[in-house]
Amino acid sequence: MVSKKVTIVNPTGLHLRPAGIFCNTAVRYDSRITFQHGDTNANAKSVLSVLGACIKKGDEIELICEGADEQEALAAMVRAVEDGLGE
């Protein structure tokens, strides 16, 4: 298991389009990818789960990856968030 805290930098947070990019990045990997925000744990591969977490700009989330390709998955997820998720 690997994890890393990242801050959401895109202006609108994880609304539908950035949530879709976030999930599309996650589904490319076999690892289980989740994230934690406060008391909320969410599945990064589920758009509904991501939207339900109500993540806004400036919120810090902890990405957690578990599986055979966890290092690659974590690096890709961090890169996607730091690049602004298409915004």
PDB file of N, CA and C in Angstrom:
ATOM      1  N   MET A   1       0.843  -1.177   0.000  1.00  0.00           N
ATOM      2  CA  MET A   1       0.000   0.000   0.000  1.00  0.00           C
ATOM      3  C   MET A   1       0.891   1.245   0.000  1.00  0.00           C
ATOM      4  N   VAL A   2       0.541   2.187  -0.854  1.00  0.00           N
ATOM      5  CA  VAL A   2       1.228   3.476  -0.900  1.00  0.00           C
ATOM      6  C   VAL A   2       0.175   4.570  -0.838  1.00  0.00           C
ATOM      7  N   SER A   3       0.562   5.719  -0.289  1.00  0.00           N
ATOM      8  CA  SER A   3      -0.394   6.826  -0.213  1.00  0.00           C
ATOM      9  C   SER A   3       0.349   8.152  -0.281  1.00  0.00           C
ATOM     10  N   LYS A   4      -0.407   9.173  -0.644  1.00  0.00           N
ATOM     11  CA  LYS A   4       0.160  10.510  -0.698  1.00  0.00           C
ATOM     12  C   LYS A   4      -0.963  11.523  -0.580  1.00  0.00           C
ATOM     13  N   LYS A   5      -0.695  12.610   0.157  1.00  0.00           N
ATOM     14  CA  LYS A   5      -1.669  13.697   0.278  1.00  0.00           C
ATOM     15  C   LYS A   5      -1.425  14.704  -0.841  1.00  0.00           C
ATOM     16  N   VAL A   6      -2.513  15.132  -1.464  1.00  0.00           N
ATOM     17  CA  VAL A   6      -2.441  16.133  -2.529  1.00  0.00           C
ATOM     18  C   VAL A   6      -3.548  17.157  -2.304  1.00  0.00           C
ATOM     19  N   THR A   7      -3.324  18.355  -2.818  1.00  0.00           N
ATOM     20  CA  THR A   7      -4.323  19.418  -2.717  1.00  0.00           C
ATOM     21  C   THR A   7      -4.962  19.614  -4.081  1.00  0.00           C
ATOM     22  N   ILE A   8      -6.280  19.723  -4.085  1.00  0.00           N
ATOM     23  CA  ILE A   8      -7.028  19.945  -5.327  1.00  0.00           C
ATOM     24  C   ILE A   8      -6.787  21.380  -5.773  1.00  0.00           C
ATOM     25  N   VAL A   9      -6.253  21.544  -6.985  1.00  0.00           N
ATOM     26  CA  VAL A   9      -5.879  22.874  -7.462  1.00  0.00           C
ATOM     27  C   VAL A   9      -6.818  23.428  -8.531  1.00  0.00           C
ATOM     28  N   ASN A  10      -7.609  22.565  -9.168  1.00  0.00           N
ATOM     29  CA  ASN A  10      -8.471  23.093 -10.223  1.00  0.00           C
ATOM     30  C   ASN A  10      -9.586  23.950  -9.632  1.00  0.00           C
ATOM     31  N   PRO A  11     -10.000  25.011 -10.347  1.00  0.00           N
ATOM     32  CA  PRO A  11     -10.901  26.024  -9.791  1.00  0.00           C
ATOM     33  C   PRO A  11     -12.260  25.520  -9.317  1.00  0.00           C
ATOM     34  N   THR A  12     -12.772  24.454  -9.922  1.00  0.00           N
ATOM     35  CA  THR A  12     -14.123  24.015  -9.572  1.00  0.00           C
ATOM     36  C   THR A  12     -14.161  22.768  -8.704  1.00  0.00           C
ATOM     37  N   GLY A  13     -13.005  22.299  -8.252  1.00  0.00           N
ATOM     38  CA  GLY A  13     -12.987  21.089  -7.436  1.00  0.00           C
ATOM     39  C   GLY A  13     -13.327  19.874  -8.275  1.00  0.00           C
ATOM     40  N   LEU A  14     -13.831  18.823  -7.637  1.00  0.00           N
ATOM     41  CA  LEU A  14     -14.148  17.586  -8.363  1.00  0.00           C
ATOM     42  C   LEU A  14     -15.621  17.547  -8.753  1.00  0.00           C
ATOM     43  N   HIS A  15     -16.017  18.449  -9.663  1.00  0.00           N
ATOM     44  CA  HIS A  15     -17.368  18.363 -10.218  1.00  0.00           C
ATOM     45  C   HIS A  15     -17.335  17.353 -11.363  1.00  0.00           C
ATOM     46  N   LEU A  16     -18.360  17.249 -12.171  1.00  0.00           N
ATOM     47  CA  LEU A  16     -18.521  16.128 -13.095  1.00  0.00           C
ATOM     48  C   LEU A  16     -17.356  15.912 -14.067  1.00  0.00           C
ATOM     49  N   ARG A  17     -16.932  16.918 -14.791  1.00  0.00           N
ATOM     50  CA  ARG A  17     -15.869  16.704 -15.789  1.00  0.00           C
ATOM     51  C   ARG A  17     -14.537  16.330 -15.133  1.00  0.00           C
ATOM     52  N   PRO A  18     -14.042  17.087 -14.138  1.00  0.00           N
ATOM     53  CA  PRO A  18     -12.797  16.665 -13.491  1.00  0.00           C
ATOM     54  C   PRO A  18     -12.931  15.316 -12.773  1.00  0.00           C
ATOM     55  N   ALA A  19     -14.103  15.029 -12.225  1.00  0.00           N
ATOM     56  CA  ALA A  19     -14.317  13.727 -11.575  1.00  0.00           C
ATOM     57  C   ALA A  19     -14.202  12.606 -12.602  1.00  0.00           C
ATOM     58  N   GLY A  20     -14.691  12.846 -13.814  1.00  0.00           N
ATOM     59  CA  GLY A  20     -14.575  11.862 -14.884  1.00  0.00           C
ATOM     60  C   GLY A  20     -13.124  11.612 -15.252  1.00  0.00           C
ATOM     61  N   ILE A  21     -12.329  12.668 -15.351  1.00  0.00           N
ATOM     62  CA  ILE A  21     -10.906  12.521 -15.655  1.00  0.00           C
ATOM     63  C   ILE A  21     -10.199  11.780 -14.526  1.00  0.00           C
ATOM     64  N   PHE A  22     -10.541  12.125 -13.289  1.00  0.00           N
ATOM     65  CA  PHE A  22      -9.986  11.472 -12.101  1.00  0.00           C
ATOM     66  C   PHE A  22     -10.272   9.968 -12.158  1.00  0.00           C
ATOM     67  N   CYS A  23     -11.524   9.606 -12.432  1.00  0.00           N
ATOM     68  CA  CYS A  23     -11.925   8.193 -12.488  1.00  0.00           C
ATOM     69  C   CYS A  23     -11.300   7.473 -13.682  1.00  0.00           C
ATOM     70  N   ASN A  24     -11.261   8.133 -14.835  1.00  0.00           N
ATOM     71  CA  ASN A  24     -10.662   7.511 -16.024  1.00  0.00           C
ATOM     72  C   ASN A  24      -9.192   7.219 -15.807  1.00  0.00           C
ATOM     73  N   THR A  25      -8.520   8.069 -15.067  1.00  0.00           N
ATOM     74  CA  THR A  25      -7.117   7.813 -14.730  1.00  0.00           C
ATOM     75  C   THR A  25      -7.024   6.583 -13.831  1.00  0.00           C
ATOM     76  N   ALA A  26      -7.893   6.510 -12.841  1.00  0.00           N
ATOM     77  CA  ALA A  26      -7.856   5.402 -11.875  1.00  0.00           C
ATOM     78  C   ALA A  26      -8.161   4.049 -12.519  1.00  0.00           C
ATOM     79  N   VAL A  27      -9.124   4.001 -13.432  1.00  0.00           N
ATOM     80  CA  VAL A  27      -9.535   2.699 -13.996  1.00  0.00           C
ATOM     81  C   VAL A  27      -8.479   2.083 -14.904  1.00  0.00           C
ATOM     82  N   ARG A  28      -7.465   2.817 -15.282  1.00  0.00           N
ATOM     83  CA  ARG A  28      -6.390   2.268 -16.113  1.00  0.00           C
ATOM     84  C   ARG A  28      -5.489   1.320 -15.323  1.00  0.00           C
ATOM     85  N   TYR A  29      -5.651   1.279 -14.007  1.00  0.00           N
ATOM     86  CA  TYR A  29      -4.765   0.478 -13.161  1.00  0.00           C
ATOM     87  C   TYR A  29      -5.540  -0.635 -12.463  1.00  0.00           C
ATOM     88  N   ASP A  30      -4.855  -1.746 -12.238  1.00  0.00           N
ATOM     89  CA  ASP A  30      -5.469  -2.892 -11.564  1.00  0.00           C
ATOM     90  C   ASP A  30      -5.579  -2.678 -10.056  1.00  0.00           C
ATOM     91  N   SER A  31      -4.744  -1.824  -9.514  1.00  0.00           N
ATOM     92  CA  SER A  31      -4.736  -1.580  -8.072  1.00  0.00           C
ATOM     93  C   SER A  31      -6.072  -1.018  -7.592  1.00  0.00           C
ATOM     94  N   ARG A  32      -6.338  -1.267  -6.330  1.00  0.00           N
ATOM     95  CA  ARG A  32      -7.484  -0.646  -5.668  1.00  0.00           C
ATOM     96  C   ARG A  32      -7.062   0.785  -5.347  1.00  0.00           C
ATOM     97  N   ILE A  33      -7.828   1.767  -5.826  1.00  0.00           N
ATOM     98  CA  ILE A  33      -7.480   3.164  -5.616  1.00  0.00           C
ATOM     99  C   ILE A  33      -8.627   3.854  -4.897  1.00  0.00           C
ATOM    100  N   THR A  34      -8.323   4.373  -3.726  1.00  0.00           N
ATOM    101  CA  THR A  34      -9.316   5.093  -2.935  1.00  0.00           C
ATOM    102  C   THR A  34      -8.708   6.423  -2.518  1.00  0.00           C
ATOM    103  N   PHE A  35      -9.552   7.285  -1.968  1.00  0.00           N
ATOM    104  CA  PHE A  35      -9.015   8.506  -1.385  1.00  0.00           C
ATOM    105  C   PHE A  35      -9.812   8.846  -0.147  1.00  0.00           C
ATOM    106  N   GLN A  36      -9.168   9.578   0.718  1.00  0.00           N
ATOM    107  CA  GLN A  36      -9.766   9.959   1.991  1.00  0.00           C
ATOM    108  C   GLN A  36      -9.787  11.476   2.092  1.00  0.00           C
ATOM    109  N   HIS A  37     -10.929  11.994   2.526  1.00  0.00           N
ATOM    110  CA  HIS A  37     -11.084  13.427   2.767  1.00  0.00           C
ATOM    111  C   HIS A  37     -11.890  13.571   4.047  1.00  0.00           C
ATOM    112  N   GLY A  38     -11.238  14.024   5.099  1.00  0.00           N
ATOM    113  CA  GLY A  38     -11.924  14.081   6.394  1.00  0.00           C
ATOM    114  C   GLY A  38     -12.323  12.680   6.818  1.00  0.00           C
ATOM    115  N   ASP A  39     -13.610  12.487   7.115  1.00  0.00           N
ATOM    116  CA  ASP A  39     -14.117  11.178   7.518  1.00  0.00           C
ATOM    117  C   ASP A  39     -14.593  10.347   6.334  1.00  0.00           C
ATOM    118  N   THR A  40     -14.508  10.889   5.130  1.00  0.00           N
ATOM    119  CA  THR A  40     -15.031  10.231   3.938  1.00  0.00           C
ATOM    120  C   THR A  40     -13.956   9.405   3.234  1.00  0.00           C
ATOM    121  N   ASN A  41     -14.282   8.155   2.968  1.00  0.00           N
ATOM    122  CA  ASN A  41     -13.447   7.285   2.130  1.00  0.00           C
ATOM    123  C   ASN A  41     -14.219   7.057   0.845  1.00  0.00           C
ATOM    124  N   ALA A  42     -13.556   7.218  -0.308  1.00  0.00           N
ATOM    125  CA  ALA A  42     -14.253   7.083  -1.578  1.00  0.00           C
ATOM    126  C   ALA A  42     -13.438   6.245  -2.552  1.00  0.00           C
ATOM    127  N   ASN A  43     -14.152   5.561  -3.429  1.00  0.00           N
ATOM    128  CA  ASN A  43     -13.554   4.758  -4.482  1.00  0.00           C
ATOM    129  C   ASN A  43     -13.214   5.685  -5.646  1.00  0.00           C
ATOM    130  N   ALA A  44     -11.943   5.793  -5.993  1.00  0.00           N
ATOM    131  CA  ALA A  44     -11.515   6.699  -7.061  1.00  0.00           C
ATOM    132  C   ALA A  44     -11.951   6.221  -8.441  1.00  0.00           C
ATOM    133  N   LYS A  45     -12.423   4.981  -8.554  1.00  0.00           N
ATOM    134  CA  LYS A  45     -12.862   4.449  -9.842  1.00  0.00           C
ATOM    135  C   LYS A  45     -14.356   4.637 -10.071  1.00  0.00           C
ATOM    136  N   SER A  46     -15.049   5.237  -9.123  1.00  0.00           N
ATOM    137  CA  SER A  46     -16.502   5.443  -9.218  1.00  0.00           C
ATOM    138  C   SER A  46     -16.825   6.936  -9.256  1.00  0.00           C
ATOM    139  N   VAL A  47     -17.405   7.388 -10.367  1.00  0.00           N
ATOM    140  CA  VAL A  47     -17.752   8.809 -10.497  1.00  0.00           C
ATOM    141  C   VAL A  47     -18.720   9.219  -9.396  1.00  0.00           C
ATOM    142  N   LEU A  48     -19.694   8.380  -9.099  1.00  0.00           N
ATOM    143  CA  LEU A  48     -20.664   8.727  -8.046  1.00  0.00           C
ATOM    144  C   LEU A  48     -19.997   8.853  -6.686  1.00  0.00           C
ATOM    145  N   SER A  49     -19.062   7.986  -6.409  1.00  0.00           N
ATOM    146  CA  SER A  49     -18.328   8.044  -5.147  1.00  0.00           C
ATOM    147  C   SER A  49     -17.491   9.324  -5.069  1.00  0.00           C
ATOM    148  N   VAL A  50     -16.844   9.678  -6.173  1.00  0.00           N
ATOM    149  CA  VAL A  50     -16.017  10.891  -6.213  1.00  0.00           C
ATOM    150  C   VAL A  50     -16.895  12.134  -6.050  1.00  0.00           C
ATOM    151  N   LEU A  51     -17.992  12.189  -6.776  1.00  0.00           N
ATOM    152  CA  LEU A  51     -18.893  13.343  -6.672  1.00  0.00           C
ATOM    153  C   LEU A  51     -19.490  13.458  -5.269  1.00  0.00           C
ATOM    154  N   GLY A  52     -19.807  12.311  -4.672  1.00  0.00           N
ATOM    155  CA  GLY A  52     -20.404  12.286  -3.342  1.00  0.00           C
ATOM    156  C   GLY A  52     -19.480  12.796  -2.250  1.00  0.00           C
ATOM    157  N   ALA A  53     -18.178  12.824  -2.521  1.00  0.00           N
ATOM    158  CA  ALA A  53     -17.217  13.303  -1.521  1.00  0.00           C
ATOM    159  C   ALA A  53     -17.197  14.833  -1.426  1.00  0.00           C
ATOM    160  N   CYS A  54     -17.795  15.520  -2.401  1.00  0.00           N
ATOM    161  CA  CYS A  54     -17.927  16.991  -2.398  1.00  0.00           C
ATOM    162  C   CYS A  54     -16.582  17.701  -2.197  1.00  0.00           C
ATOM    163  N   ILE A  55     -15.627  17.374  -3.043  1.00  0.00           N
ATOM    164  CA  ILE A  55     -14.285  17.949  -2.943  1.00  0.00           C
ATOM    165  C   ILE A  55     -14.247  19.301  -3.652  1.00  0.00           C
ATOM    166  N   LYS A  56     -13.758  20.307  -2.966  1.00  0.00           N
ATOM    167  CA  LYS A  56     -13.680  21.676  -3.494  1.00  0.00           C
ATOM    168  C   LYS A  56     -12.220  22.069  -3.723  1.00  0.00           C
ATOM    169  N   LYS A  57     -12.015  23.178  -4.426  1.00  0.00           N
ATOM    170  CA  LYS A  57     -10.668  23.698  -4.636  1.00  0.00           C
ATOM    171  C   LYS A  57     -10.025  23.971  -3.276  1.00  0.00           C
ATOM    172  N   GLY A  58      -8.771  23.577  -3.137  1.00  0.00           N
ATOM    173  CA  GLY A  58      -8.034  23.795  -1.893  1.00  0.00           C
ATOM    174  C   GLY A  58      -8.164  22.669  -0.891  1.00  0.00           C
ATOM    175  N   ASP A  59      -9.098  21.736  -1.109  1.00  0.00           N
ATOM    176  CA  ASP A  59      -9.236  20.595  -0.201  1.00  0.00           C
ATOM    177  C   ASP A  59      -8.042  19.656  -0.373  1.00  0.00           C
ATOM    178  N   GLU A  60      -7.609  19.079   0.740  1.00  0.00           N
ATOM    179  CA  GLU A  60      -6.537  18.093   0.696  1.00  0.00           C
ATOM    180  C   GLU A  60      -7.141  16.705   0.791  1.00  0.00           C
ATOM    181  N   ILE A  61      -6.730  15.820  -0.112  1.00  0.00           N
ATOM    182  CA  ILE A  61      -7.174  14.428  -0.076  1.00  0.00           C
ATOM    183  C   ILE A  61      -5.938  13.541   0.028  1.00  0.00           C
ATOM    184  N   GLU A  62      -6.139  12.356   0.578  1.00  0.00           N
ATOM    185  CA  GLU A  62      -5.053  11.374   0.625  1.00  0.00           C
ATOM    186  C   GLU A  62      -5.391  10.259  -0.348  1.00  0.00           C
ATOM    187  N   LEU A  63      -4.587  10.108  -1.382  1.00  0.00           N
ATOM    188  CA  LEU A  63      -4.751   9.030  -2.352  1.00  0.00           C
ATOM    189  C   LEU A  63      -4.107   7.771  -1.795  1.00  0.00           C
ATOM    190  N   ILE A  64      -4.809   6.642  -1.899  1.00  0.00           N
ATOM    191  CA  ILE A  64      -4.319   5.375  -1.370  1.00  0.00           C
ATOM    192  C   ILE A  64      -4.429   4.322  -2.471  1.00  0.00           C
ATOM    193  N   CYS A  65      -3.311   3.696  -2.799  1.00  0.00           N
ATOM    194  CA  CYS A  65      -3.277   2.675  -3.846  1.00  0.00           C
ATOM    195  C   CYS A  65      -2.752   1.364  -3.269  1.00  0.00           C
ATOM    196  N   GLU A  66      -3.451   0.270  -3.589  1.00  0.00           N
ATOM    197  CA  GLU A  66      -3.043  -1.056  -3.128  1.00  0.00           C
ATOM    198  C   GLU A  66      -3.127  -2.036  -4.282  1.00  0.00           C
ATOM    199  N   GLY A  67      -1.996  -2.676  -4.611  1.00  0.00           N
ATOM    200  CA  GLY A  67      -2.028  -3.678  -5.669  1.00  0.00           C
ATOM    201  C   GLY A  67      -0.698  -3.765  -6.396  1.00  0.00           C
ATOM    202  N   ALA A  68      -0.694  -4.574  -7.442  1.00  0.00           N
ATOM    203  CA  ALA A  68       0.532  -4.866  -8.179  1.00  0.00           C
ATOM    204  C   ALA A  68       1.160  -3.635  -8.830  1.00  0.00           C
ATOM    205  N   ASP A  69       0.327  -2.710  -9.307  1.00  0.00           N
ATOM    206  CA  ASP A  69       0.849  -1.520  -9.981  1.00  0.00           C
ATOM    207  C   ASP A  69       0.628  -0.252  -9.162  1.00  0.00           C
ATOM    208  N   GLU A  70       0.664  -0.394  -7.835  1.00  0.00           N
ATOM    209  CA  GLU A  70       0.324   0.714  -6.936  1.00  0.00           C
ATOM    210  C   GLU A  70       1.230   1.933  -7.104  1.00  0.00           C
ATOM    211  N   GLN A  71       2.516   1.730  -7.324  1.00  0.00           N
ATOM    212  CA  GLN A  71       3.432   2.869  -7.480  1.00  0.00           C
ATOM    213  C   GLN A  71       3.087   3.675  -8.729  1.00  0.00           C
ATOM    214  N   GLU A  72       2.858   2.986  -9.848  1.00  0.00           N
ATOM    215  CA  GLU A  72       2.494   3.653 -11.097  1.00  0.00           C
ATOM    216  C   GLU A  72       1.148   4.351 -10.956  1.00  0.00           C
ATOM    217  N   ALA A  73       0.205   3.680 -10.320  1.00  0.00           N
ATOM    218  CA  ALA A  73      -1.131   4.238 -10.148  1.00  0.00           C
ATOM    219  C   ALA A  73      -1.072   5.519  -9.310  1.00  0.00           C
ATOM    220  N   LEU A  74      -0.332   5.479  -8.215  1.00  0.00           N
ATOM    221  CA  LEU A  74      -0.223   6.654  -7.353  1.00  0.00           C
ATOM    222  C   LEU A  74       0.417   7.815  -8.111  1.00  0.00           C
ATOM    223  N   ALA A  75       1.480   7.536  -8.838  1.00  0.00           N
ATOM    224  CA  ALA A  75       2.157   8.592  -9.603  1.00  0.00           C
ATOM    225  C   ALA A  75       1.214   9.219 -10.623  1.00  0.00           C
ATOM    226  N   ALA A  76       0.424   8.402 -11.319  1.00  0.00           N
ATOM    227  CA  ALA A  76      -0.509   8.916 -12.327  1.00  0.00           C
ATOM    228  C   ALA A  76      -1.621   9.740 -11.686  1.00  0.00           C
ATOM    229  N   MET A  77      -2.138   9.286 -10.556  1.00  0.00           N
ATOM    230  CA  MET A  77      -3.217  10.007  -9.876  1.00  0.00           C
ATOM    231  C   MET A  77      -2.713  11.354  -9.355  1.00  0.00           C
ATOM    232  N   VAL A  78      -1.534  11.360  -8.762  1.00  0.00           N
ATOM    233  CA  VAL A  78      -0.953  12.604  -8.254  1.00  0.00           C
ATOM    234  C   VAL A  78      -0.722  13.576  -9.412  1.00  0.00           C
ATOM    235  N   ARG A  79      -0.181  13.075 -10.509  1.00  0.00           N
ATOM    236  CA  ARG A  79       0.083  13.909 -11.678  1.00  0.00           C
ATOM    237  C   ARG A  79      -1.224  14.508 -12.223  1.00  0.00           C
ATOM    238  N   ALA A  80      -2.285  13.692 -12.298  1.00  0.00           N
ATOM    239  CA  ALA A  80      -3.566  14.185 -12.802  1.00  0.00           C
ATOM    240  C   ALA A  80      -4.118  15.312 -11.927  1.00  0.00           C
ATOM    241  N   VAL A  81      -4.045  15.127 -10.614  1.00  0.00           N
ATOM    242  CA  VAL A  81      -4.543  16.157  -9.689  1.00  0.00           C
ATOM    243  C   VAL A  81      -3.691  17.419  -9.790  1.00  0.00           C
ATOM    244  N   GLU A  82      -2.379  17.260  -9.786  1.00  0.00           N
ATOM    245  CA  GLU A  82      -1.494  18.432  -9.838  1.00  0.00           C
ATOM    246  C   GLU A  82      -1.594  19.163 -11.162  1.00  0.00           C
ATOM    247  N   ASP A  83      -1.982  18.474 -12.239  1.00  0.00           N
ATOM    248  CA  ASP A  83      -2.156  19.098 -13.549  1.00  0.00           C
ATOM    249  C   ASP A  83      -3.512  19.784 -13.693  1.00  0.00           C
ATOM    250  N   GLY A  84      -4.366  19.693 -12.667  1.00  0.00           N
ATOM    251  CA  GLY A  84      -5.650  20.389 -12.676  1.00  0.00           C
ATOM    252  C   GLY A  84      -6.808  19.626 -13.253  1.00  0.00           C
ATOM    253  N   LEU A  85      -6.657  18.339 -13.514  1.00  0.00           N
ATOM    254  CA  LEU A  85      -7.751  17.494 -13.998  1.00  0.00           C
ATOM    255  C   LEU A  85      -8.471  18.089 -15.214  1.00  0.00           C
ATOM    256  N   GLY A  86      -7.689  18.580 -16.140  1.00  0.00           N
ATOM    257  CA  GLY A  86      -8.251  19.080 -17.391  1.00  0.00           C
ATOM    258  C   GLY A  86      -8.786  20.488 -17.366  1.00  0.00           C
ATOM    259  N   GLU A  87      -8.581  21.191 -16.276  1.00  0.00           N
ATOM    260  CA  GLU A  87      -9.085  22.571 -16.206  1.00  0.00           C
ATOM    261  C   GLU A  87      -7.947  23.565 -16.164  1.00  0.00           C
TER     262      GLU A  87
END
